Amino acid sequence: MKKKYLSTGNEACGEGAVRAGCRFYAGYPITPQNELTAYMSRRMEEENGIFIQAESELAAVSMVFGAAVTGAKAMTTSSSPGISLKQEGISYMAGCELPGVIVNVVRGGPGLGNISGAQSDYFQSTKGGGHGDYRMIVLAPASVQETFDFTYESFGLADKYRMPVMVLTDGILGQMMEKLEFDDDIQAVPEGDRSWVLDGAKAREARCIKSLFLGDGALEAHNIKLQKKYRKIEKEEVRYETYKLEDADKVIVAYGSVSRIGKACVDRLREEGVKAGLFRPVTLWPFPYKELSDLAKKGTRFLVAEMSAGQMVEDVRLAVQDDMRVAFYGRMGGEVPTEEEIIEQVKRIKEKEKRKK
């Protein structure tokens, strides 16, 4: 039976992990995700799981690496500077094909920045922030409910593809409170193949999990294997949301918190006679290139709105293949674009079209 709760995004994220079957959590405090670490400290004890407040971010992700090797459903969380410190361990997990969930509650940067919500970690999350040709599936929720849902689902994706999966939220979503609804008897995410797990070699052949390949051609062969897996994910795991796109000729492209503002902008623009719509990437990797490309074939013009200096806009331009049709508006340093600002940018696009005619 479904029950309703009033929850913050951080707590919803933690509960989504617990309900998925996460029983190992290692983290290190940093605002604005501290409530998530605190929540997991309580819930891991209640579920007979393991909670460790590590001595550093690098230690935390290394502990998740160790837990994943044994087949445990494991998670670590942090916020922007802390995720930077975890990049080495994330690359090792990708190289060893270990499942695990990493949550980034993004804050403003660069450097220590501030504790306000931002979207300036897009490159870091989607382009491989650590070393090597690796990828992570990156899910970007836009509500407290989705933060729960995507965290829950991320454990299944990590297990299915044997790779780290990131849930990219931000300080706004982490701290805000909304309705959260889920079945109290929801089942944990089923476990996939466990033939690779290191659980002792008694009565079976030894197994080896590694990312060090020194023989001639061995590392390239391993990379080719990984890239084949990534191409499969690009075909099968792209997710996106559309809003009022049926007749739209001006499309706002936004993800996460900003997509919520984008929807309100679409409604207001339509009241003023502007045929506006919203395209929201849900998976930031794999990115919905084809879907945006198909939309561009209709002659659509785009406004990319982000809480950054412009990062996702590069992927939109790659999809559209016409920079003149892709405008950008961003706010930096933890500042949030307002409806009025985004609407004004869309109107400017419309005015430029009129002048050209």
Foldseek 3Di string as FASTA:
>chain_A
DKDKDKDFLLLLLLVLLVQQQAQAEEEEDDPPNNVNLVNNVVVNVVVVGDYYDDPALCVRLVVQVVCQLQVGAYEYEDEDVSVLSNLVSQVFQQLLLTFYEYEYAYAFDDPSQDRFWFDACLCCQAVRVHDDRGGAWEFEDAASQVSSVVSSVSSVVCQVRSHYHYYYAHNVRRGDIDMYMDDPPRHHNDGDDDPQHDDDQVPHDDHDGGNDDDDVCPNVVSVVVRVVSLVVCLVPPWDKDKFQLPPAQEEEEEEHNQVVLVNVLCVVVVVVVHSYMYIYGRTSVVGPLQVLLVSLVVVHAYEYEGQHPDDSLVSSCVSPVDVVRYHYDYHHSNDHDHSVNVNVVSVVVVVVVVVVD
